[in-house]
Every structure is written in C-alpha cells, then in structure tokens.
Amino acid sequence: MRLNSHHSNFFLLSFTIASALMLGLVGTETVHARQSKVDVCHIDEYGAYYHLNIAEAAFQAHIGHGDSIPGDLVPGNDDQLSFADDCTLIPACPCVVDLPSGWQATEAISGIAREECADGSFVESVFGTSFGDEASLSWFKDEQCDGPTFFACSAGDNERVISEAQYEACTQTFSVP
C-alpha cells in the first residue's frame, strides 16, 4: 500500500511529536513558578556571618539555627552592632560612622506628629536629634498611610536609610540622660 501525501504528512508529524516526547525535547511536566528569595546573614561554624540569598521556604530554618537578616542587631553584642545589607558588621546606629571621633551628645530634642488616614487610623512621624560639639545626630521614623514605614538617620550631610532595629538603637544610644 502506497501512502498519499496527506497520509505521509500526518505520519511524519506523528513521528516527530512522538520522538520529541521520548527525547524530552517537549516537556509534559508543569512548569513551576520561580520561588521568591530573601536575604539572610548566615552564621557559619566559626561564628562568622556572610550574605546568602535563599528560597523564602528555607527562611525559618535559617533563622532557627541563628541566622539573621540585614538590618538586624548582631546577637550577643549588647546591641552595639548591626548587619549592613551585605552582612558586614556596622555600628547599631549606622550614622555614628559620620560623627567626629569621641563625639558625645550634650542635649537632645524629639517630637511626634500624628496624621489621620482615610480609613480613620493614625500614623506617626517621629524624630529625634542629639546635639554635641561640632555635629548632631538625627533619627527619623515616618509611617505612611498607604505604604511602608521609613526609617533613617543622619549625621552631618549624610543621611542613611536604616532598619527598625537600627532606628531603635539610635534612639536609645544617643538620648541624653
């Protein structure tokens, strides 16, 4: 029996699809969505920290064995150090590096402003400034009705975005007794 061109094309197409499936050229598995990733400051067996970008599903296991996240205070350092974005260790209040050596606060002021949101809730903007010889250190917390809370500190002409933990360290370290 001789195949006409219609049968021949059908046979060739069927053979090509079957071959591709057998060779794995055409997948039949469900394609999985990309997992979201998070940054952690991973502690190794020697107590050193380094930056890892891990699957969000592994986050709790990492935190459970002592890892932290960038911006957190370093455990066991009496709240004196925090993690930078790359997990290097920096002062708990990062703006300290912009102050003159030996700087001490001699007076401080602070304030709070409240704003009512459309839904009737309130948000706060908090600021504080410690003054000393030659420089001042300021820290800010700005809650938004429709967005995240913004934290920053500044010393001299340098302003840095900081984490909530770093903000708390600034407010506690540099308030005047």
C-alpha atoms as a PDB file:
ATOM      1  CA  MET A   1       0.000   0.000   0.000  1.00  0.00           C
ATOM      2  CA  ARG A   2       1.324   3.310  -1.020  1.00  0.00           C
ATOM      3  CA  LEU A   3       0.762   6.418   1.225  1.00  0.00           C
ATOM      4  CA  ASN A   4      -0.533   9.547  -0.406  1.00  0.00           C
ATOM      5  CA  SER A   5       0.943  12.929   0.543  1.00  0.00           C
ATOM      6  CA  HIS A   6      -1.799  13.612   3.134  1.00  0.00           C
ATOM      7  CA  HIS A   7      -1.071  10.350   4.981  1.00  0.00           C
ATOM      8  CA  SER A   8       2.625  10.901   4.593  1.00  0.00           C
ATOM      9  CA  ASN A   9       2.471  14.352   6.228  1.00  0.00           C
ATOM     10  CA  PHE A  10       0.324  13.013   9.078  1.00  0.00           C
ATOM     11  CA  PHE A  11       2.718  10.097   9.645  1.00  0.00           C
ATOM     12  CA  LEU A  12       5.742  12.433   9.628  1.00  0.00           C
ATOM     13  CA  LEU A  13       4.094  14.849  12.096  1.00  0.00           C
ATOM     14  CA  SER A  14       3.082  11.997  14.452  1.00  0.00           C
ATOM     15  CA  PHE A  15       6.586  10.506  14.297  1.00  0.00           C
ATOM     16  CA  THR A  16       8.184  13.914  15.035  1.00  0.00           C
ATOM     17  CA  ILE A  17       5.955  14.562  18.080  1.00  0.00           C
ATOM     18  CA  ALA A  18       6.472  11.045  19.467  1.00  0.00           C
ATOM     19  CA  SER A  19      10.248  11.337  19.028  1.00  0.00           C
ATOM     20  CA  ALA A  20      10.348  14.736  20.706  1.00  0.00           C
ATOM     21  CA  LEU A  21       8.404  13.416  23.697  1.00  0.00           C
ATOM     22  CA  MET A  22      10.690  10.389  24.048  1.00  0.00           C
ATOM     23  CA  LEU A  23      13.817  12.528  23.818  1.00  0.00           C
ATOM     24  CA  GLY A  24      12.472  15.063  26.303  1.00  0.00           C
ATOM     25  CA  LEU A  25      12.506  17.908  23.824  1.00  0.00           C
ATOM     26  CA  VAL A  26       8.894  18.737  24.600  1.00  0.00           C
ATOM     27  CA  GLY A  27       8.095  18.694  28.314  1.00  0.00           C
ATOM     28  CA  THR A  28       4.861  17.402  29.725  1.00  0.00           C
ATOM     29  CA  GLU A  29       5.577  18.450  33.325  1.00  0.00           C
ATOM     30  CA  THR A  30       4.058  21.520  34.914  1.00  0.00           C
ATOM     31  CA  VAL A  31       6.443  24.447  34.914  1.00  0.00           C
ATOM     32  CA  HIS A  32       6.934  25.666  38.481  1.00  0.00           C
ATOM     33  CA  ALA A  33       6.830  29.366  39.249  1.00  0.00           C
ATOM     34  CA  ARG A  34      10.085  30.881  40.459  1.00  0.00           C
ATOM     35  CA  GLN A  35      10.371  30.837  44.217  1.00  0.00           C
ATOM     36  CA  SER A  36      10.773  34.187  45.891  1.00  0.00           C
ATOM     37  CA  LYS A  37      14.111  34.734  47.582  1.00  0.00           C
ATOM     38  CA  VAL A  38      15.153  36.504  50.765  1.00  0.00           C
ATOM     39  CA  ASP A  39      18.481  37.736  52.099  1.00  0.00           C
ATOM     40  CA  VAL A  40      19.954  36.334  55.297  1.00  0.00           C
ATOM     41  CA  CYS A  41      23.154  36.884  57.208  1.00  0.00           C
ATOM     42  CA  HIS A  42      24.239  33.267  57.604  1.00  0.00           C
ATOM     43  CA  ILE A  43      26.418  32.290  60.544  1.00  0.00           C
ATOM     44  CA  ASP A  44      28.977  29.582  59.845  1.00  0.00           C
ATOM     45  CA  GLU A  45      30.517  27.070  62.261  1.00  0.00           C
ATOM     46  CA  TYR A  46      33.238  29.595  63.212  1.00  0.00           C
ATOM     47  CA  GLY A  47      30.787  32.357  64.162  1.00  0.00           C
ATOM     48  CA  ALA A  48      31.425  34.437  61.027  1.00  0.00           C
ATOM     49  CA  TYR A  49      28.485  35.916  59.110  1.00  0.00           C
ATOM     50  CA  TYR A  50      28.138  36.111  55.356  1.00  0.00           C
ATOM     51  CA  HIS A  51      25.367  37.071  52.931  1.00  0.00           C
ATOM     52  CA  LEU A  52      23.137  34.388  51.392  1.00  0.00           C
ATOM     53  CA  ASN A  53      20.121  34.787  49.105  1.00  0.00           C
ATOM     54  CA  ILE A  54      17.867  31.810  49.897  1.00  0.00           C
ATOM     55  CA  ALA A  55      14.449  30.495  48.921  1.00  0.00           C
ATOM     56  CA  GLU A  56      11.751  32.002  51.107  1.00  0.00           C
ATOM     57  CA  ALA A  57      10.674  28.465  52.061  1.00  0.00           C
ATOM     58  CA  ALA A  58      14.058  27.934  53.799  1.00  0.00           C
ATOM     59  CA  PHE A  59      13.919  31.222  55.754  1.00  0.00           C
ATOM     60  CA  GLN A  60      12.511  29.881  59.048  1.00  0.00           C
ATOM     61  CA  ALA A  61      15.055  27.051  59.159  1.00  0.00           C
ATOM     62  CA  HIS A  62      17.901  29.545  58.742  1.00  0.00           C
ATOM     63  CA  ILE A  63      16.525  31.878  61.416  1.00  0.00           C
ATOM     64  CA  GLY A  64      16.013  28.838  63.661  1.00  0.00           C
ATOM     65  CA  HIS A  65      19.717  27.988  63.687  1.00  0.00           C
ATOM     66  CA  GLY A  66      20.973  31.520  64.362  1.00  0.00           C
ATOM     67  CA  ASP A  67      20.976  33.360  61.035  1.00  0.00           C
ATOM     68  CA  SER A  68      19.708  36.953  60.955  1.00  0.00           C
ATOM     69  CA  ILE A  69      18.584  39.419  58.315  1.00  0.00           C
ATOM     70  CA  PRO A  70      20.337  42.562  57.073  1.00  0.00           C
ATOM     71  CA  GLY A  71      19.489  45.498  59.357  1.00  0.00           C
ATOM     72  CA  ASP A  72      19.053  43.327  62.456  1.00  0.00           C
ATOM     73  CA  LEU A  73      21.187  43.820  65.523  1.00  0.00           C
ATOM     74  CA  VAL A  74      24.005  41.276  65.856  1.00  0.00           C
ATOM     75  CA  PRO A  75      23.136  38.727  68.560  1.00  0.00           C
ATOM     76  CA  GLY A  76      25.416  38.696  71.606  1.00  0.00           C
ATOM     77  CA  ASN A  77      26.930  42.167  71.073  1.00  0.00           C
ATOM     78  CA  ASP A  78      24.891  44.180  73.610  1.00  0.00           C
ATOM     79  CA  ASP A  79      23.087  45.959  70.750  1.00  0.00           C
ATOM     80  CA  GLN A  80      26.311  47.687  69.668  1.00  0.00           C
ATOM     81  CA  LEU A  81      26.497  46.211  66.133  1.00  0.00           C
ATOM     82  CA  SER A  82      24.064  45.603  63.291  1.00  0.00           C
ATOM     83  CA  PHE A  83      24.218  43.941  59.885  1.00  0.00           C
ATOM     84  CA  ALA A  84      24.674  46.054  56.749  1.00  0.00           C
ATOM     85  CA  ASP A  85      22.867  44.986  53.546  1.00  0.00           C
ATOM     86  CA  ASP A  86      25.873  42.805  52.638  1.00  0.00           C
ATOM     87  CA  CYS A  87      26.034  41.337  56.186  1.00  0.00           C
ATOM     88  CA  THR A  88      29.208  43.152  57.191  1.00  0.00           C
ATOM     89  CA  LEU A  89      29.109  44.363  60.784  1.00  0.00           C
ATOM     90  CA  ILE A  90      28.453  48.059  61.322  1.00  0.00           C
ATOM     91  CA  PRO A  91      27.523  50.164  64.376  1.00  0.00           C
ATOM     92  CA  ALA A  92      23.982  49.533  65.603  1.00  0.00           C
ATOM     93  CA  CYS A  93      23.208  53.165  64.744  1.00  0.00           C
ATOM     94  CA  PRO A  94      24.966  53.382  61.344  1.00  0.00           C
ATOM     95  CA  CYS A  95      25.217  57.180  61.271  1.00  0.00           C
ATOM     96  CA  VAL A  96      27.791  57.014  64.075  1.00  0.00           C
ATOM     97  CA  VAL A  97      30.486  56.500  61.453  1.00  0.00           C
ATOM     98  CA  ASP A  98      29.775  60.028  60.172  1.00  0.00           C
ATOM     99  CA  LEU A  99      30.402  61.648  63.566  1.00  0.00           C
ATOM    100  CA  PRO A 100      33.758  63.042  64.738  1.00  0.00           C
ATOM    101  CA  SER A 101      35.809  60.671  66.897  1.00  0.00           C
ATOM    102  CA  GLY A 102      34.884  60.962  70.574  1.00  0.00           C
ATOM    103  CA  TRP A 103      31.607  62.788  69.869  1.00  0.00           C
ATOM    104  CA  GLN A 104      29.137  62.866  72.771  1.00  0.00           C
ATOM    105  CA  ALA A 105      25.607  64.156  72.961  1.00  0.00           C
ATOM    106  CA  THR A 106      25.116  67.116  75.288  1.00  0.00           C
ATOM    107  CA  GLU A 107      21.419  67.786  74.658  1.00  0.00           C
ATOM    108  CA  ALA A 108      18.576  66.220  72.713  1.00  0.00           C
ATOM    109  CA  ILE A 109      15.152  67.063  71.365  1.00  0.00           C
ATOM    110  CA  SER A 110      12.447  64.871  69.921  1.00  0.00           C
ATOM    111  CA  GLY A 111       8.939  65.173  68.590  1.00  0.00           C
ATOM    112  CA  ILE A 112       5.960  63.285  67.213  1.00  0.00           C
ATOM    113  CA  ALA A 113       3.468  64.318  64.533  1.00  0.00           C
ATOM    114  CA  ARG A 114       0.256  62.307  64.024  1.00  0.00           C
ATOM    115  CA  GLU A 115      -1.721  62.118  60.801  1.00  0.00           C
ATOM    116  CA  GLU A 116      -5.167  60.629  60.281  1.00  0.00           C
ATOM    117  CA  CYS A 117      -5.527  58.257  57.333  1.00  0.00           C
ATOM    118  CA  ALA A 118      -8.601  57.950  55.114  1.00  0.00           C
ATOM    119  CA  ASP A 119      -9.700  54.799  56.996  1.00  0.00           C
ATOM    120  CA  GLY A 120      -9.652  56.642  60.340  1.00  0.00           C
ATOM    121  CA  SER A 121      -6.415  55.091  61.615  1.00  0.00           C
ATOM    122  CA  PHE A 122      -3.440  57.211  62.622  1.00  0.00           C
ATOM    123  CA  VAL A 123       0.211  57.135  61.613  1.00  0.00           C
ATOM    124  CA  GLU A 124       3.117  58.871  63.307  1.00  0.00           C
ATOM    125  CA  SER A 125       6.232  60.639  62.240  1.00  0.00           C
ATOM    126  CA  VAL A 126       8.839  60.636  64.998  1.00  0.00           C
ATOM    127  CA  PHE A 127      12.152  62.474  65.048  1.00  0.00           C
ATOM    128  CA  GLY A 128      14.955  62.958  67.464  1.00  0.00           C
ATOM    129  CA  THR A 129      18.197  64.920  67.387  1.00  0.00           C
ATOM    130  CA  SER A 130      21.153  64.743  69.744  1.00  0.00           C
ATOM    131  CA  PHE A 131      23.464  67.746  69.721  1.00  0.00           C
ATOM    132  CA  GLY A 132      27.117  67.748  70.640  1.00  0.00           C
ATOM    133  CA  ASP A 133      30.261  69.643  69.836  1.00  0.00           C
ATOM    134  CA  GLU A 134      30.805  70.044  66.078  1.00  0.00           C
ATOM    135  CA  ALA A 135      27.966  67.745  64.977  1.00  0.00           C
ATOM    136  CA  SER A 136      24.464  66.465  65.551  1.00  0.00           C
ATOM    137  CA  LEU A 137      22.858  63.089  65.042  1.00  0.00           C
ATOM    138  CA  SER A 138      19.221  62.767  63.960  1.00  0.00           C
ATOM    139  CA  TRP A 139      16.932  59.813  63.502  1.00  0.00           C
ATOM    140  CA  PHE A 140      13.522  59.598  61.852  1.00  0.00           C
ATOM    141  CA  LYS A 141      10.547  57.275  61.695  1.00  0.00           C
ATOM    142  CA  ASP A 142       7.923  58.127  59.094  1.00  0.00           C
ATOM    143  CA  GLU A 143       4.822  55.915  58.945  1.00  0.00           C
ATOM    144  CA  GLN A 144       2.775  56.105  55.752  1.00  0.00           C
ATOM    145  CA  CYS A 145      -0.995  55.610  55.419  1.00  0.00           C
ATOM    146  CA  ASP A 146      -0.623  53.667  52.180  1.00  0.00           C
ATOM    147  CA  GLY A 147       2.896  52.289  52.374  1.00  0.00           C
ATOM    148  CA  PRO A 148       5.763  51.032  54.474  1.00  0.00           C
ATOM    149  CA  THR A 149       7.324  52.834  57.409  1.00  0.00           C
ATOM    150  CA  PHE A 150      10.521  54.671  56.528  1.00  0.00           C
ATOM    151  CA  PHE A 151      13.467  54.792  58.955  1.00  0.00           C
ATOM    152  CA  ALA A 152      16.556  56.967  58.534  1.00  0.00           C
ATOM    153  CA  CYS A 153      19.379  58.567  60.456  1.00  0.00           C
ATOM    154  CA  SER A 154      21.686  61.426  59.576  1.00  0.00           C
ATOM    155  CA  ALA A 155      24.873  62.969  60.837  1.00  0.00           C
ATOM    156  CA  GLY A 156      26.379  65.977  59.139  1.00  0.00           C
ATOM    157  CA  ASP A 157      25.379  65.933  55.468  1.00  0.00           C
ATOM    158  CA  ASN A 158      24.925  62.146  55.283  1.00  0.00           C
ATOM    159  CA  GLU A 159      21.517  60.515  55.541  1.00  0.00           C
ATOM    160  CA  ARG A 160      21.093  56.747  55.583  1.00  0.00           C
ATOM    161  CA  VAL A 161      18.022  54.544  55.288  1.00  0.00           C
ATOM    162  CA  ILE A 162      18.092  52.154  58.235  1.00  0.00           C
ATOM    163  CA  SER A 163      16.081  49.246  59.655  1.00  0.00           C
ATOM    164  CA  GLU A 164      13.665  49.490  62.546  1.00  0.00           C
ATOM    165  CA  ALA A 165      16.179  47.750  64.840  1.00  0.00           C
ATOM    166  CA  GLN A 166      18.868  50.272  63.863  1.00  0.00           C
ATOM    167  CA  TYR A 167      16.397  53.124  64.469  1.00  0.00           C
ATOM    168  CA  GLU A 168      15.705  51.802  67.979  1.00  0.00           C
ATOM    169  CA  ALA A 169      19.459  51.588  68.631  1.00  0.00           C
ATOM    170  CA  CYS A 170      19.891  55.229  67.579  1.00  0.00           C
ATOM    171  CA  THR A 171      17.088  56.421  69.868  1.00  0.00           C
ATOM    172  CA  GLN A 172      18.430  54.501  72.859  1.00  0.00           C
ATOM    173  CA  THR A 173      22.131  55.125  72.349  1.00  0.00           C
ATOM    174  CA  PHE A 174      22.010  58.858  71.761  1.00  0.00           C
ATOM    175  CA  SER A 175      19.321  60.187  74.038  1.00  0.00           C
ATOM    176  CA  VAL A 176      20.703  62.442  76.716  1.00  0.00           C
ATOM    177  CA  PRO A 177      20.250  61.116  80.273  1.00  0.00           C
END
